C-alpha atoms as a PDB file:
ATOM      1  CA  UNK A   1      69.619 -51.859  14.502  1.00  0.00           C
ATOM      2  CA  UNK A   2      71.153 -50.509  11.295  1.00  0.00           C
ATOM      3  CA  UNK A   3      71.796 -52.932   8.441  1.00  0.00           C
ATOM      4  CA  UNK A   4      73.599 -52.229   5.182  1.00  0.00           C
ATOM      5  CA  UNK A   5      73.484 -54.548   2.188  1.00  0.00           C
ATOM      6  CA  UNK A   6      74.215 -52.091  -0.657  1.00  0.00           C
ATOM      7  CA  UNK A   7      77.860 -53.121  -0.628  1.00  0.00           C
ATOM      8  CA  UNK A   8      79.491 -55.328   2.024  1.00  0.00           C
ATOM      9  CA  UNK A   9      76.975 -56.619   4.579  1.00  0.00           C
ATOM     10  CA  UNK A  10      77.145 -54.625   7.816  1.00  0.00           C
ATOM     11  CA  UNK A  11      74.917 -54.697  10.884  1.00  0.00           C
ATOM     12  CA  UNK A  12      75.268 -52.438  13.917  1.00  0.00           C
ATOM     13  CA  UNK A  13      73.217 -52.471  17.110  1.00  0.00           C
ATOM     14  CA  UNK A  14      73.758 -50.075  20.011  1.00  0.00           C
ATOM     15  CA  UNK A  15      77.035 -49.004  18.417  1.00  0.00           C
ATOM     16  CA  UNK A  16      78.285 -52.584  18.295  1.00  0.00           C
ATOM     17  CA  UNK A  17      78.870 -54.665  15.174  1.00  0.00           C
ATOM     18  CA  UNK A  18      76.601 -57.689  14.924  1.00  0.00           C
ATOM     19  CA  UNK A  19      77.839 -58.651  11.465  1.00  0.00           C
ATOM     20  CA  UNK A  20      78.561 -62.387  11.366  1.00  0.00           C
ATOM     21  CA  UNK A  21      82.088 -63.288  10.309  1.00  0.00           C
ATOM     22  CA  UNK A  22      81.026 -66.722   9.033  1.00  0.00           C
ATOM     23  CA  UNK A  23      79.714 -66.802   5.469  1.00  0.00           C
ATOM     24  CA  UNK A  24      76.404 -68.629   5.889  1.00  0.00           C
ATOM     25  CA  UNK A  25      75.074 -66.653   8.880  1.00  0.00           C
ATOM     26  CA  UNK A  26      75.976 -63.478   6.961  1.00  0.00           C
ATOM     27  CA  UNK A  27      74.057 -64.879   3.979  1.00  0.00           C
ATOM     28  CA  UNK A  28      71.006 -65.478   6.178  1.00  0.00           C
ATOM     29  CA  UNK A  29      71.201 -61.984   7.670  1.00  0.00           C
ATOM     30  CA  UNK A  30      71.352 -60.414   4.200  1.00  0.00           C
ATOM     31  CA  UNK A  31      68.270 -62.300   2.980  1.00  0.00           C
ATOM     32  CA  UNK A  32      66.299 -61.547   6.146  1.00  0.00           C
ATOM     33  CA  UNK A  33      67.263 -57.853   5.973  1.00  0.00           C
ATOM     34  CA  UNK A  34      66.152 -57.572   2.363  1.00  0.00           C
ATOM     35  CA  UNK A  35      62.800 -58.980   3.489  1.00  0.00           C
ATOM     36  CA  UNK A  36      62.582 -57.196   6.846  1.00  0.00           C
ATOM     37  CA  UNK A  37      59.276 -57.639   8.674  1.00  0.00           C
ATOM     38  CA  UNK A  38      58.361 -60.423   6.265  1.00  0.00           C
ATOM     39  CA  UNK A  39      58.557 -64.132   7.037  1.00  0.00           C
ATOM     40  CA  UNK A  40      61.268 -65.908   5.058  1.00  0.00           C
ATOM     41  CA  UNK A  41      60.342 -69.575   4.920  1.00  0.00           C
ATOM     42  CA  UNK A  42      62.645 -72.350   6.063  1.00  0.00           C
ATOM     43  CA  UNK A  43      62.622 -73.939   2.569  1.00  0.00           C
ATOM     44  CA  UNK A  44      63.715 -70.590   1.081  1.00  0.00           C
ATOM     45  CA  UNK A  45      66.554 -70.284   3.585  1.00  0.00           C
ATOM     46  CA  UNK A  46      67.623 -73.879   2.946  1.00  0.00           C
ATOM     47  CA  UNK A  47      67.617 -73.229  -0.804  1.00  0.00           C
ATOM     48  CA  UNK A  48      69.648 -70.063  -0.267  1.00  0.00           C
ATOM     49  CA  UNK A  49      72.308 -71.873   1.740  1.00  0.00           C
ATOM     50  CA  UNK A  50      72.558 -75.193  -0.085  1.00  0.00           C
ATOM     51  CA  UNK A  51      70.685 -74.907  -3.379  1.00  0.00           C
ATOM     52  CA  UNK A  52      68.888 -78.040  -4.530  1.00  0.00           C
ATOM     53  CA  UNK A  53      71.288 -80.355  -2.661  1.00  0.00           C
ATOM     54  CA  UNK A  54      70.782 -79.644   1.024  1.00  0.00           C
ATOM     55  CA  UNK A  55      72.395 -81.996   3.552  1.00  0.00           C
ATOM     56  CA  UNK A  56      70.158 -84.181   5.703  1.00  0.00           C
ATOM     57  CA  UNK A  57      71.029 -81.967   8.645  1.00  0.00           C
ATOM     58  CA  UNK A  58      70.020 -78.766   6.798  1.00  0.00           C
ATOM     59  CA  UNK A  59      67.212 -77.714   9.153  1.00  0.00           C
ATOM     60  CA  UNK A  60      69.248 -78.432  12.265  1.00  0.00           C
ATOM     61  CA  UNK A  61      72.232 -76.555  10.852  1.00  0.00           C
ATOM     62  CA  UNK A  62      69.963 -73.640   9.912  1.00  0.00           C
ATOM     63  CA  UNK A  63      68.738 -73.467  13.510  1.00  0.00           C
ATOM     64  CA  UNK A  64      72.373 -73.341  14.650  1.00  0.00           C
ATOM     65  CA  UNK A  65      73.028 -70.379  12.359  1.00  0.00           C
ATOM     66  CA  UNK A  66      69.915 -68.617  13.688  1.00  0.00           C
ATOM     67  CA  UNK A  67      71.161 -69.146  17.241  1.00  0.00           C
ATOM     68  CA  UNK A  68      74.535 -67.655  16.266  1.00  0.00           C
ATOM     69  CA  UNK A  69      72.803 -64.573  14.876  1.00  0.00           C
ATOM     70  CA  UNK A  70      70.648 -64.253  17.985  1.00  0.00           C
ATOM     71  CA  UNK A  71      73.709 -64.464  20.205  1.00  0.00           C
ATOM     72  CA  UNK A  72      75.328 -61.561  18.338  1.00  0.00           C
ATOM     73  CA  UNK A  73      72.119 -59.549  18.651  1.00  0.00           C
ATOM     74  CA  UNK A  74      71.627 -60.540  22.285  1.00  0.00           C
ATOM     75  CA  UNK A  75      75.172 -59.557  23.244  1.00  0.00           C
ATOM     76  CA  UNK A  76      74.616 -56.125  21.689  1.00  0.00           C
ATOM     77  CA  UNK A  77      71.275 -55.699  23.437  1.00  0.00           C
ATOM     78  CA  UNK A  78      73.010 -56.664  26.703  1.00  0.00           C
ATOM     79  CA  UNK A  79      70.277 -55.651  29.123  1.00  0.00           C
ATOM     80  CA  UNK A  80      67.654 -57.642  27.219  1.00  0.00           C
ATOM     81  CA  UNK A  81      69.738 -60.740  26.583  1.00  0.00           C
ATOM     82  CA  UNK A  82      68.354 -63.686  24.636  1.00  0.00           C
ATOM     83  CA  UNK A  83      64.699 -62.714  25.018  1.00  0.00           C
ATOM     84  CA  UNK A  84      65.423 -59.387  23.379  1.00  0.00           C
ATOM     85  CA  UNK A  85      67.219 -61.132  20.540  1.00  0.00           C
ATOM     86  CA  UNK A  86      64.190 -63.340  19.922  1.00  0.00           C
ATOM     87  CA  UNK A  87      62.082 -60.212  19.538  1.00  0.00           C
ATOM     88  CA  UNK A  88      64.408 -58.979  16.784  1.00  0.00           C
ATOM     89  CA  UNK A  89      65.029 -62.269  14.979  1.00  0.00           C
ATOM     90  CA  UNK A  90      61.595 -63.808  15.383  1.00  0.00           C
ATOM     91  CA  UNK A  91      60.569 -67.418  14.871  1.00  0.00           C
ATOM     92  CA  UNK A  92      57.294 -67.616  12.978  1.00  0.00           C
ATOM     93  CA  UNK A  93      55.344 -70.584  11.685  1.00  0.00           C
ATOM     94  CA  UNK A  94      57.349 -72.016   8.816  1.00  0.00           C
ATOM     95  CA  UNK A  95      60.191 -69.521   8.924  1.00  0.00           C
ATOM     96  CA  UNK A  96      61.927 -66.510  10.448  1.00  0.00           C
ATOM     97  CA  UNK A  97      61.364 -62.760  10.429  1.00  0.00           C
ATOM     98  CA  UNK A  98      63.768 -59.894  11.099  1.00  0.00           C
ATOM     99  CA  UNK A  99      61.668 -57.346  12.979  1.00  0.00           C
ATOM    100  CA  UNK A 100      63.430 -54.072  12.217  1.00  0.00           C
ATOM    101  CA  UNK A 101      61.848 -50.916  10.743  1.00  0.00           C
ATOM    102  CA  UNK A 102      62.339 -50.471   6.980  1.00  0.00           C
ATOM    103  CA  UNK A 103      64.307 -47.239   7.449  1.00  0.00           C
ATOM    104  CA  UNK A 104      66.978 -49.138   9.392  1.00  0.00           C
ATOM    105  CA  UNK A 105      67.904 -51.175   6.288  1.00  0.00           C
ATOM    106  CA  UNK A 106      69.726 -49.190   3.605  1.00  0.00           C
ATOM    107  CA  UNK A 107      68.026 -50.953   0.701  1.00  0.00           C
ATOM    108  CA  UNK A 108      64.558 -49.910   1.864  1.00  0.00           C
ATOM    109  CA  UNK A 109      65.745 -46.353   2.407  1.00  0.00           C
ATOM    110  CA  UNK A 110      67.280 -46.373  -1.084  1.00  0.00           C
ATOM    111  CA  UNK A 111      63.979 -47.510  -2.572  1.00  0.00           C
ATOM    112  CA  UNK A 112      62.027 -44.853  -0.645  1.00  0.00           C
ATOM    113  CA  UNK A 113      64.283 -41.973  -1.698  1.00  0.00           C
ATOM    114  CA  UNK A 114      64.582 -43.238  -5.288  1.00  0.00           C
ATOM    115  CA  UNK A 115      60.790 -43.453  -5.496  1.00  0.00           C
ATOM    116  CA  UNK A 116      60.522 -39.839  -4.313  1.00  0.00           C
ATOM    117  CA  UNK A 117      63.086 -38.856  -6.950  1.00  0.00           C
ATOM    118  CA  UNK A 118      61.095 -40.602  -9.667  1.00  0.00           C
ATOM    119  CA  UNK A 119      57.929 -38.836  -8.534  1.00  0.00           C
ATOM    120  CA  UNK A 120      59.715 -35.473  -8.725  1.00  0.00           C
ATOM    121  CA  UNK A 121      60.923 -36.345 -12.221  1.00  0.00           C
ATOM    122  CA  UNK A 122      57.402 -37.312 -13.300  1.00  0.00           C
ATOM    123  CA  UNK A 123      56.101 -33.832 -12.394  1.00  0.00           C
ATOM    124  CA  UNK A 124      59.090 -32.220 -14.157  1.00  0.00           C
ATOM    125  CA  UNK A 125      60.760 -31.020 -10.955  1.00  0.00           C
ATOM    126  CA  UNK A 126      64.165 -31.967 -12.307  1.00  0.00           C
ATOM    127  CA  UNK A 127      66.227 -30.197  -9.647  1.00  0.00           C
ATOM    128  CA  UNK A 128      64.504 -32.166  -6.872  1.00  0.00           C
ATOM    129  CA  UNK A 129      64.716 -35.359  -8.914  1.00  0.00           C
ATOM    130  CA  UNK A 130      68.460 -34.897  -9.348  1.00  0.00           C
ATOM    131  CA  UNK A 131      68.990 -34.171  -5.649  1.00  0.00           C
ATOM    132  CA  UNK A 132      66.899 -37.092  -4.415  1.00  0.00           C
ATOM    133  CA  UNK A 133      68.280 -39.611  -6.879  1.00  0.00           C
ATOM    134  CA  UNK A 134      71.849 -38.588  -6.069  1.00  0.00           C
ATOM    135  CA  UNK A 135      71.018 -39.057  -2.389  1.00  0.00           C
ATOM    136  CA  UNK A 136      69.627 -42.525  -3.122  1.00  0.00           C
ATOM    137  CA  UNK A 137      72.585 -43.566  -5.277  1.00  0.00           C
ATOM    138  CA  UNK A 138      75.062 -42.334  -2.659  1.00  0.00           C
ATOM    139  CA  UNK A 139      73.797 -45.087  -0.349  1.00  0.00           C
ATOM    140  CA  UNK A 140      75.511 -47.672  -2.517  1.00  0.00           C
ATOM    141  CA  UNK A 141      79.014 -48.726  -1.423  1.00  0.00           C
ATOM    142  CA  UNK A 142      79.641 -51.204  -4.243  1.00  0.00           C
ATOM    143  CA  UNK A 143      77.776 -54.231  -5.575  1.00  0.00           C
ATOM    144  CA  UNK A 144      74.951 -55.341  -3.289  1.00  0.00           C
ATOM    145  CA  UNK A 145      76.021 -57.990  -0.730  1.00  0.00           C
ATOM    146  CA  UNK A 146      79.423 -58.039  -2.404  1.00  0.00           C
ATOM    147  CA  UNK A 147      81.003 -60.102   0.387  1.00  0.00           C
ATOM    148  CA  UNK A 148      78.363 -62.843   0.220  1.00  0.00           C
ATOM    149  CA  UNK A 149      78.218 -65.689  -2.262  1.00  0.00           C
ATOM    150  CA  UNK A 150      74.471 -65.588  -2.966  1.00  0.00           C
ATOM    151  CA  UNK A 151      72.227 -68.556  -3.558  1.00  0.00           C
ATOM    152  CA  UNK A 152      69.239 -68.388  -5.877  1.00  0.00           C
ATOM    153  CA  UNK A 153      66.855 -66.351  -3.640  1.00  0.00           C
ATOM    154  CA  UNK A 154      69.484 -63.779  -2.709  1.00  0.00           C
ATOM    155  CA  UNK A 155      70.859 -63.732  -6.257  1.00  0.00           C
ATOM    156  CA  UNK A 156      67.427 -62.768  -7.597  1.00  0.00           C
ATOM    157  CA  UNK A 157      67.308 -59.886  -5.115  1.00  0.00           C
ATOM    158  CA  UNK A 158      70.778 -58.714  -6.167  1.00  0.00           C
ATOM    159  CA  UNK A 159      69.722 -58.617  -9.837  1.00  0.00           C
ATOM    160  CA  UNK A 160      66.567 -56.680  -8.921  1.00  0.00           C
ATOM    161  CA  UNK A 161      68.563 -54.171  -6.889  1.00  0.00           C
ATOM    162  CA  UNK A 162      71.136 -53.630  -9.627  1.00  0.00           C
ATOM    163  CA  UNK A 163      68.297 -52.945 -12.079  1.00  0.00           C
ATOM    164  CA  UNK A 164      66.780 -50.453  -9.625  1.00  0.00           C
ATOM    165  CA  UNK A 165      70.165 -48.788  -9.226  1.00  0.00           C
ATOM    166  CA  UNK A 166      70.625 -48.502 -12.991  1.00  0.00           C
ATOM    167  CA  UNK A 167      67.108 -47.130 -13.449  1.00  0.00           C
ATOM    168  CA  UNK A 168      67.718 -44.471 -10.787  1.00  0.00           C
ATOM    169  CA  UNK A 169      71.035 -43.580 -12.415  1.00  0.00           C
ATOM    170  CA  UNK A 170      69.525 -43.211 -15.895  1.00  0.00           C
ATOM    171  CA  UNK A 171      66.661 -41.089 -14.569  1.00  0.00           C
ATOM    172  CA  UNK A 172      69.057 -38.874 -12.602  1.00  0.00           C
ATOM    173  CA  UNK A 173      71.211 -38.295 -15.688  1.00  0.00           C
ATOM    174  CA  UNK A 174      68.121 -37.595 -17.770  1.00  0.00           C
ATOM    175  CA  UNK A 175      66.950 -35.010 -15.220  1.00  0.00           C
ATOM    176  CA  UNK A 176      70.343 -33.310 -15.261  1.00  0.00           C
ATOM    177  CA  UNK A 177      70.444 -33.265 -19.053  1.00  0.00           C
ATOM    178  CA  UNK A 178      67.060 -31.560 -18.971  1.00  0.00           C
ATOM    179  CA  UNK A 179      68.669 -28.987 -16.654  1.00  0.00           C
ATOM    180  CA  UNK A 180      71.334 -28.312 -19.304  1.00  0.00           C
ATOM    181  CA  UNK A 181      74.194 -30.027 -17.455  1.00  0.00           C
ATOM    182  CA  UNK A 182      75.506 -31.975 -20.458  1.00  0.00           C
ATOM    183  CA  UNK A 183      79.086 -30.709 -20.110  1.00  0.00           C
ATOM    184  CA  UNK A 184      79.280 -31.688 -16.434  1.00  0.00           C
ATOM    185  CA  UNK A 185      77.973 -35.169 -17.247  1.00  0.00           C
ATOM    186  CA  UNK A 186      80.451 -35.965 -20.016  1.00  0.00           C
ATOM    187  CA  UNK A 187      83.179 -37.553 -17.904  1.00  0.00           C
ATOM    188  CA  UNK A 188      80.693 -39.670 -15.935  1.00  0.00           C
ATOM    189  CA  UNK A 189      78.922 -40.839 -19.082  1.00  0.00           C
ATOM    190  CA  UNK A 190      82.195 -41.722 -20.795  1.00  0.00           C
ATOM    191  CA  UNK A 191      82.999 -44.112 -17.928  1.00  0.00           C
ATOM    192  CA  UNK A 192      79.457 -45.500 -17.765  1.00  0.00           C
ATOM    193  CA  UNK A 193      79.494 -46.212 -21.497  1.00  0.00           C
ATOM    194  CA  UNK A 194      82.634 -48.304 -21.098  1.00  0.00           C
ATOM    195  CA  UNK A 195      81.231 -50.108 -18.052  1.00  0.00           C
ATOM    196  CA  UNK A 196      77.901 -50.776 -19.814  1.00  0.00           C
ATOM    197  CA  UNK A 197      78.892 -51.250 -23.471  1.00  0.00           C
ATOM    198  CA  UNK A 198      75.475 -52.584 -24.547  1.00  0.00           C
ATOM    199  CA  UNK A 199      73.251 -50.153 -22.642  1.00  0.00           C
ATOM    200  CA  UNK A 200      71.392 -48.107 -25.252  1.00  0.00           C
ATOM    201  CA  UNK A 201      69.922 -45.594 -22.797  1.00  0.00           C
ATOM    202  CA  UNK A 202      73.323 -44.591 -21.443  1.00  0.00           C
ATOM    203  CA  UNK A 203      74.736 -44.515 -24.963  1.00  0.00           C
ATOM    204  CA  UNK A 204      71.929 -42.187 -26.082  1.00  0.00           C
ATOM    205  CA  UNK A 205      72.544 -39.871 -23.137  1.00  0.00           C
ATOM    206  CA  UNK A 206      76.267 -39.857 -23.901  1.00  0.00           C
ATOM    207  CA  UNK A 207      75.639 -39.129 -27.592  1.00  0.00           C
ATOM    208  CA  UNK A 208      73.340 -36.220 -26.774  1.00  0.00           C
ATOM    209  CA  UNK A 209      75.806 -34.804 -24.233  1.00  0.00           C
ATOM    210  CA  UNK A 210      78.639 -34.975 -26.765  1.00  0.00           C
ATOM    211  CA  UNK A 211      76.540 -33.383 -29.498  1.00  0.00           C
ATOM    212  CA  UNK A 212      75.478 -30.520 -27.249  1.00  0.00           C
ATOM    213  CA  UNK A 213      79.102 -29.986 -26.245  1.00  0.00           C
ATOM    214  CA  UNK A 214      80.001 -29.488 -29.917  1.00  0.00           C
ATOM    215  CA  UNK A 215      81.632 -32.923 -30.319  1.00  0.00           C
ATOM    216  CA  UNK A 216      79.457 -34.334 -33.075  1.00  0.00           C
ATOM    217  CA  UNK A 217      82.039 -36.797 -34.411  1.00  0.00           C
ATOM    218  CA  UNK A 218      82.561 -38.296 -30.947  1.00  0.00           C
ATOM    219  CA  UNK A 219      78.812 -38.741 -30.580  1.00  0.00           C
ATOM    220  CA  UNK A 220      78.828 -40.721 -33.824  1.00  0.00           C
ATOM    221  CA  UNK A 221      81.820 -42.719 -32.589  1.00  0.00           C
ATOM    222  CA  UNK A 222      79.850 -43.652 -29.463  1.00  0.00           C
ATOM    223  CA  UNK A 223      77.073 -45.017 -31.670  1.00  0.00           C
ATOM    224  CA  UNK A 224      79.595 -46.924 -33.759  1.00  0.00           C
ATOM    225  CA  UNK A 225      81.121 -48.527 -30.656  1.00  0.00           C
ATOM    226  CA  UNK A 226      77.707 -49.674 -29.428  1.00  0.00           C
ATOM    227  CA  UNK A 227      76.776 -50.948 -32.895  1.00  0.00           C
ATOM    228  CA  UNK A 228      80.002 -52.969 -33.118  1.00  0.00           C
ATOM    229  CA  UNK A 229      79.528 -54.476 -29.657  1.00  0.00           C
ATOM    230  CA  UNK A 230      75.883 -55.434 -30.205  1.00  0.00           C
ATOM    231  CA  UNK A 231      76.664 -56.958 -33.580  1.00  0.00           C
ATOM    232  CA  UNK A 232      79.670 -58.904 -32.311  1.00  0.00           C
ATOM    233  CA  UNK A 233      78.159 -60.140 -29.053  1.00  0.00           C
ATOM    234  CA  UNK A 234      74.508 -60.654 -29.988  1.00  0.00           C
ATOM    235  CA  UNK A 235      74.304 -60.399 -33.758  1.00  0.00           C
ATOM    236  CA  UNK A 236      71.738 -57.583 -33.541  1.00  0.00           C
ATOM    237  CA  UNK A 237      71.490 -53.954 -34.615  1.00  0.00           C
ATOM    238  CA  UNK A 238      70.859 -50.983 -32.301  1.00  0.00           C
ATOM    239  CA  UNK A 239      67.194 -50.152 -31.758  1.00  0.00           C
ATOM    240  CA  UNK A 240      65.342 -48.010 -34.269  1.00  0.00           C
ATOM    241  CA  UNK A 241      65.228 -45.138 -31.767  1.00  0.00           C
ATOM    242  CA  UNK A 242      68.995 -45.136 -31.389  1.00  0.00           C
ATOM    243  CA  UNK A 243      69.380 -45.246 -35.161  1.00  0.00           C
ATOM    244  CA  UNK A 244      67.049 -42.243 -35.386  1.00  0.00           C
ATOM    245  CA  UNK A 245      69.262 -40.477 -32.866  1.00  0.00           C
ATOM    246  CA  UNK A 246      72.321 -41.240 -34.984  1.00  0.00           C
ATOM    247  CA  UNK A 247      70.557 -39.799 -38.033  1.00  0.00           C
ATOM    248  CA  UNK A 248      69.542 -36.702 -36.054  1.00  0.00           C
ATOM    249  CA  UNK A 249      73.170 -36.141 -35.053  1.00  0.00           C
ATOM    250  CA  UNK A 250      74.377 -36.668 -38.621  1.00  0.00           C
ATOM    251  CA  UNK A 251      71.947 -34.001 -39.827  1.00  0.00           C
ATOM    252  CA  UNK A 252      72.435 -31.702 -36.800  1.00  0.00           C
ATOM    253  CA  UNK A 253      68.715 -31.842 -36.054  1.00  0.00           C
ATOM    254  CA  UNK A 254      67.895 -28.694 -34.009  1.00  0.00           C
ATOM    255  CA  UNK A 255      65.575 -30.716 -31.769  1.00  0.00           C
ATOM    256  CA  UNK A 256      68.666 -32.237 -30.172  1.00  0.00           C
ATOM    257  CA  UNK A 257      69.430 -28.938 -28.477  1.00  0.00           C
ATOM    258  CA  UNK A 258      66.045 -28.895 -26.763  1.00  0.00           C
ATOM    259  CA  UNK A 259      65.867 -30.199 -23.198  1.00  0.00           C
ATOM    260  CA  UNK A 260      62.596 -31.848 -24.170  1.00  0.00           C
ATOM    261  CA  UNK A 261      64.305 -34.451 -26.376  1.00  0.00           C
ATOM    262  CA  UNK A 262      66.509 -36.156 -23.827  1.00  0.00           C
ATOM    263  CA  UNK A 263      64.689 -39.379 -23.057  1.00  0.00           C
ATOM    264  CA  UNK A 264      65.440 -42.139 -25.540  1.00  0.00           C
ATOM    265  CA  UNK A 265      61.835 -43.277 -25.311  1.00  0.00           C
ATOM    266  CA  UNK A 266      60.582 -39.884 -26.515  1.00  0.00           C
ATOM    267  CA  UNK A 267      63.402 -38.806 -28.757  1.00  0.00           C
ATOM    268  CA  UNK A 268      62.139 -38.111 -32.272  1.00  0.00           C
ATOM    269  CA  UNK A 269      59.053 -40.258 -31.588  1.00  0.00           C
END
């Protein structure tokens, strides 16, 4: 069984789609897939589906949704029928468990490959880090579970995944800047800066790329745009590190041309 949640929810078994068309069964499948081989409690599933105002029939209705999911799985298993479905979507004390290997769920594969990319980065193997992190990021097909209206438990997972995606993206860009690919990254960073107008890490990477490409004034403009946004939206100033970066660009600090000064956390520390 292959399940994708990094974008629209999709589930395929034996070449046949087992993705529920109804919203709530799809919601259940997404939460179970994100926690594959772990028991998701009935109270958690009830909270996911109905928040803090579940109907009196919540547990009965939940069982109906589980049966609908099992029927989809059972039809795809064909030769195993319902018993086979119960071995995939397992009833456990207090909850349910989706018994599929981690590599069959795209989110777990993303986390595995991204972790390998981070490990390569940590030992300064930037080419491998770039390759692995690009591979991990390519698994995303849009916002996680984009076709599901998440409740609180699933919503927390979506936030966590988006943070993991952003972290992998920033590390990948940092690795490629250390490889001297600032010119290639300019167009991507210009879009990312617009999409994430208050992200200081991306802004720093964009500023450094612009400076190295001989576009000092545009690097300063990028800082100004971030400063204006932070001040208007939050009433705060950019961090001291970003202000140090601005000063370094103003004075054409030669350290900015070194591949060892890319990370915002280390820059001019």
